[in-house]
Structure formats: structure tokens, C-alpha cells
């Protein structure tokens, strides 16, 4: 994932751990902290990864 630097460009690539069979990524405010969070969903449906 490439995260924005706030200056109109991107920083270095950042790797995040996900489940064994991820197939979807979604963004939203899941933790009520007024910032965007992202989640991945595994194909087996047993896990949502932070």
C-alpha cells in the first residue's frame, strides 16, 4: 500500500499482514476515531483483518 505524504505524493511502500486468502479491501471509520480505517476480508469468511 502506498500512503500519501500530505504533499501530493506518496511515501515508500508499506506492507501489512492480511489473512491467508484475502479478496476484498474496504475503507471506512470503524473505530469511531474520525479517521479512515481499512479492512481486508478473507475468502473463507472467517476473519476480518485490521
Protein backbone atom coordinates (compact mmCIF):
# COMPACT_ATOMS: atom_id res chain seq x y z
CA UNK A 1 0.00 0.00 0.00
CA UNK A 2 1.24 3.48 -0.80
CA UNK A 3 0.28 6.05 1.81
CA UNK A 4 0.01 9.74 0.97
CA UNK A 5 2.55 12.13 2.46
CA UNK A 6 0.14 15.08 2.56
CA UNK A 7 2.17 16.93 -0.07
CA UNK A 8 0.56 15.41 -3.17
CA UNK A 9 2.96 12.49 -3.40
CA UNK A 10 3.31 9.03 -1.90
CA UNK A 11 5.74 7.63 0.61
CA UNK A 12 7.57 4.32 0.33
CA UNK A 13 5.51 1.15 0.02
CA UNK A 14 4.19 -0.19 3.33
CA UNK A 15 3.42 -3.89 3.77
CA UNK A 16 0.58 -5.00 6.02
CA UNK A 17 -0.21 -8.52 7.19
CA UNK A 18 -3.53 -9.93 5.98
CA UNK A 19 -5.22 -13.32 6.15
CA UNK A 20 -4.41 -16.40 4.09
CA UNK A 21 -6.90 -15.74 1.25
CA UNK A 22 -7.74 -12.02 1.13
CA UNK A 23 -10.10 -10.97 -1.66
CA UNK A 24 -11.54 -7.57 -0.72
CA UNK A 25 -10.41 -4.32 0.84
CA UNK A 26 -12.72 -1.68 2.28
CA UNK A 27 -12.22 1.69 3.93
CA UNK A 28 -14.38 3.41 6.49
CA UNK A 29 -14.50 4.74 10.03
CA UNK A 30 -14.86 1.54 12.01
CA UNK A 31 -13.42 2.62 15.36
CA UNK A 32 -15.23 5.96 15.76
CA UNK A 33 -11.97 7.88 15.82
CA UNK A 34 -12.89 10.20 12.91
CA UNK A 35 -10.15 8.78 10.73
CA UNK A 36 -10.25 6.24 7.93
CA UNK A 37 -9.56 2.60 8.72
CA UNK A 38 -9.10 -0.21 6.22
CA UNK A 39 -10.08 -3.84 6.46
CA UNK A 40 -9.46 -6.92 4.35
CA UNK A 41 -11.85 -9.84 4.07
CA UNK A 42 -10.62 -13.41 3.74
CA UNK A 43 -12.15 -15.76 1.19
CA UNK A 44 -13.11 -18.29 3.90
CA UNK A 45 -15.28 -15.61 5.57
CA UNK A 46 -13.93 -16.42 8.99
CA UNK A 47 -11.85 -13.33 9.52
CA UNK A 48 -11.84 -9.57 9.03
CA UNK A 49 -8.33 -8.19 9.34
CA UNK A 50 -7.49 -4.78 10.76
